Amino acid sequence: MDAGFSDTSRNMSFLLPKLSAKRDVDNAIKTTAEKVLVLRFGRDDDPTCLQLDDILSKTSHDLSKMATIYLVDVDKVPVYTQYFDISLIPSTVFFFNGQHMKVDYGSPDHTKFVGSFKIKQDFIDLIEVIFRGAMRGKLIVKSPIDPKNIPKYDLLYQGV
C-alpha cells in the first residue's frame, strides 16, 4: 500500500521546522519551555538523515505535548556542530528548559544520539523517558531503547 507514497516519504524533512543560524538555535534553546527540545544535526540530502527525519516527522504530532523538534543543518551552524562535537550525522541533541539533557545509551557518549532510530517507538520511548526525567529534575536519564537498536560507532579521538 505504501508504494504510492515512496517519493514523499523519502523526503519528510520539509515537514519539520529548520534552524539555519546560531541565533535561531540559541532562541529555541532559551524559549522552549516545559518540553523536550529535539535538535537533529545533519544534512537534508543525507540518506540516514532522511530516514531519521521520516521518523521525527511521523512522531512530531503525537509528541507535540512533550517535545518540539527542529532540524539543524551542520553546515549552517558550525559553532554548534563543533560545540556538540558532531562528527557523524545525523546526531540528535536534547534539551529541557535550556538544560542540555544527557542520555546513557550504554556508550561513552551521553551528549547525543548518533544515527537514526530503527523504529518510531524507540524515539517515542526515548522522548517520554527524557521528559519524565527532566520533570523530576534529572539531567541524565537511562535510554529505554534496546541496545541492539542503538547504532554502534567507533568514536575516534584525534589528539592535538
Protein backbone atom coordinates (compact mmCIF):
# COMPACT_ATOMS: atom_id res chain seq x y z
CA MET A 1 0.00 0.00 0.00
CA ASP A 2 2.95 2.29 0.64
CA ALA A 3 4.15 2.29 -2.96
CA GLY A 4 2.20 5.43 -3.90
CA PHE A 5 3.89 7.42 -1.15
CA SER A 6 7.50 6.41 -1.72
CA ASP A 7 8.53 9.79 -3.16
CA THR A 8 7.08 11.85 -0.33
CA SER A 9 8.23 9.57 2.47
CA ARG A 10 11.76 9.78 1.12
CA ASN A 11 11.94 13.47 1.98
CA MET A 12 9.91 14.26 5.07
CA SER A 13 12.35 16.91 6.24
CA PHE A 14 10.19 19.63 4.67
CA LEU A 15 7.53 18.92 7.33
CA LEU A 16 9.78 19.87 10.23
CA PRO A 17 10.96 23.40 11.06
CA LYS A 18 14.60 24.20 10.35
CA LEU A 19 17.04 26.34 12.30
CA SER A 20 19.68 27.78 10.00
CA ALA A 21 21.53 30.31 12.15
CA LYS A 22 23.21 30.27 15.57
CA ARG A 23 20.72 32.84 16.93
CA ASP A 24 17.81 30.59 15.87
CA VAL A 25 19.31 27.64 17.77
CA ASP A 26 20.05 29.90 20.78
CA ASN A 27 16.48 31.17 20.71
CA ALA A 28 14.99 27.65 20.52
CA ILE A 29 17.12 26.52 23.48
CA LYS A 30 16.14 29.61 25.55
CA THR A 31 12.43 29.73 24.72
CA THR A 32 11.35 26.07 24.59
CA ALA A 33 9.70 25.66 28.00
CA GLU A 34 8.35 22.53 29.71
CA LYS A 35 9.05 20.42 26.61
CA VAL A 36 11.96 18.37 25.33
CA LEU A 37 13.77 20.30 22.61
CA VAL A 38 14.98 17.89 19.93
CA LEU A 39 17.74 19.20 17.64
CA ARG A 40 18.59 16.91 14.72
CA PHE A 41 22.00 17.90 13.35
CA GLY A 42 22.57 16.70 9.80
CA ARG A 43 22.02 17.43 6.12
CA ASP A 44 18.76 17.28 4.18
CA ASP A 45 20.31 15.21 1.39
CA ASP A 46 21.93 12.55 3.58
CA PRO A 47 20.09 9.18 3.33
CA THR A 48 20.42 8.40 7.07
CA CYS A 49 19.22 11.91 7.96
CA LEU A 50 16.21 11.43 5.67
CA GLN A 51 15.41 8.13 7.37
CA LEU A 52 15.59 9.84 10.78
CA ASP A 53 13.59 12.87 9.54
CA ASP A 54 10.86 10.47 8.42
CA ILE A 55 10.61 9.06 11.97
CA LEU A 56 10.77 12.54 13.54
CA SER A 57 8.05 13.95 11.29
CA LYS A 58 5.77 10.94 11.77
CA THR A 59 6.02 11.22 15.57
CA SER A 60 6.07 15.03 15.96
CA HIS A 61 2.29 15.35 16.23
CA ASP A 62 1.94 12.52 18.77
CA LEU A 63 4.76 14.00 20.85
CA SER A 64 3.69 17.65 20.49
CA LYS A 65 2.72 17.98 24.18
CA MET A 66 6.13 16.68 25.26
CA ALA A 67 8.60 17.72 22.54
CA THR A 68 9.48 20.33 19.95
CA ILE A 69 11.59 19.07 17.04
CA TYR A 70 13.90 21.13 14.84
CA LEU A 71 16.31 20.23 12.06
CA VAL A 72 19.72 21.92 12.14
CA ASP A 73 21.99 21.90 9.09
CA VAL A 74 25.53 21.13 10.28
CA ASP A 75 26.99 23.35 7.56
CA LYS A 76 24.91 26.41 8.51
CA VAL A 77 25.54 26.35 12.27
CA PRO A 78 29.21 25.29 12.59
CA VAL A 79 29.56 26.75 16.11
CA TYR A 80 27.06 24.20 17.47
CA THR A 81 28.41 21.44 15.24
CA GLN A 82 31.79 21.96 16.93
CA TYR A 83 30.35 22.56 20.41
CA PHE A 84 28.50 19.22 20.41
CA ASP A 85 31.37 17.51 18.58
CA ILE A 86 29.12 16.44 15.71
CA SER A 87 31.50 14.34 13.66
CA LEU A 88 28.90 11.79 12.49
CA ILE A 89 25.49 12.67 11.09
CA PRO A 90 22.75 12.56 11.93
CA SER A 91 23.30 13.40 15.59
CA THR A 92 20.37 14.31 17.80
CA VAL A 93 20.76 16.50 20.88
CA PHE A 94 18.13 17.02 23.59
CA PHE A 95 17.37 19.98 25.88
CA PHE A 96 14.78 20.72 28.54
CA ASN A 97 14.16 24.27 29.82
CA GLY A 98 17.53 25.38 28.45
CA GLN A 99 19.43 22.48 30.03
CA HIS A 100 21.31 20.00 27.85
CA MET A 101 19.79 16.58 28.62
CA LYS A 102 22.17 13.65 28.58
CA VAL A 103 21.18 10.05 27.92
CA ASP A 104 23.08 6.91 28.88
CA TYR A 105 22.88 4.73 25.75
CA GLY A 106 25.46 2.30 27.10
CA SER A 107 28.16 4.06 25.05
CA PRO A 108 30.90 6.51 26.07
CA ASP A 109 28.97 9.49 24.59
CA HIS A 110 25.95 10.62 26.62
CA THR A 111 25.63 14.01 24.90
CA LYS A 112 23.86 12.95 21.70
CA PHE A 113 22.18 10.10 19.83
CA VAL A 114 24.20 9.26 16.72
CA GLY A 115 22.47 7.74 13.69
CA SER A 116 18.81 7.05 13.06
CA PHE A 117 16.30 5.31 15.27
CA LYS A 118 15.41 1.83 13.96
CA ILE A 119 11.71 2.21 14.75
CA LYS A 120 9.35 5.07 15.65
CA GLN A 121 8.57 3.53 19.03
CA ASP A 122 12.24 3.80 20.09
CA PHE A 123 12.14 7.57 19.54
CA ILE A 124 8.77 7.93 21.30
CA ASP A 125 10.00 5.91 24.30
CA LEU A 126 13.19 7.98 24.49
CA ILE A 127 11.30 11.30 24.46
CA GLU A 128 8.95 10.03 27.20
CA VAL A 129 11.90 8.98 29.39
CA ILE A 130 13.73 12.29 28.85
CA PHE A 131 10.54 14.26 29.54
CA ARG A 132 9.69 12.35 32.74
CA GLY A 133 13.31 12.53 33.95
CA ALA A 134 13.53 16.27 33.21
CA MET A 135 10.27 16.94 35.04
CA ARG A 136 11.88 15.29 38.09
CA GLY A 137 14.98 17.49 37.75
CA LYS A 138 17.30 14.87 36.27
CA LEU A 139 19.97 15.97 33.78
CA ILE A 140 20.82 12.42 32.66
CA VAL A 141 18.46 9.53 32.02
CA LYS A 142 18.94 5.88 31.07
CA SER A 143 17.98 5.05 27.49
CA PRO A 144 14.87 2.85 27.19
CA ILE A 145 15.99 1.66 23.73
CA ASP A 146 17.04 -1.95 23.33
CA PRO A 147 20.87 -1.85 22.99
CA LYS A 148 20.66 -3.87 19.76
CA ASN A 149 18.67 -0.97 18.24
CA ILE A 150 21.32 1.62 19.05
CA PRO A 151 23.78 2.21 16.20
CA LYS A 152 27.37 1.40 17.18
CA TYR A 153 30.10 3.78 16.13
CA ASP A 154 33.75 3.75 16.99
CA LEU A 155 34.49 7.19 18.32
CA LEU A 156 37.78 8.44 17.01
CA TYR A 157 39.57 10.86 19.28
CA GLN A 158 42.14 12.96 17.47
CA GLY A 159 44.92 14.21 19.69
CA VAL A 160 46.35 17.65 19.13
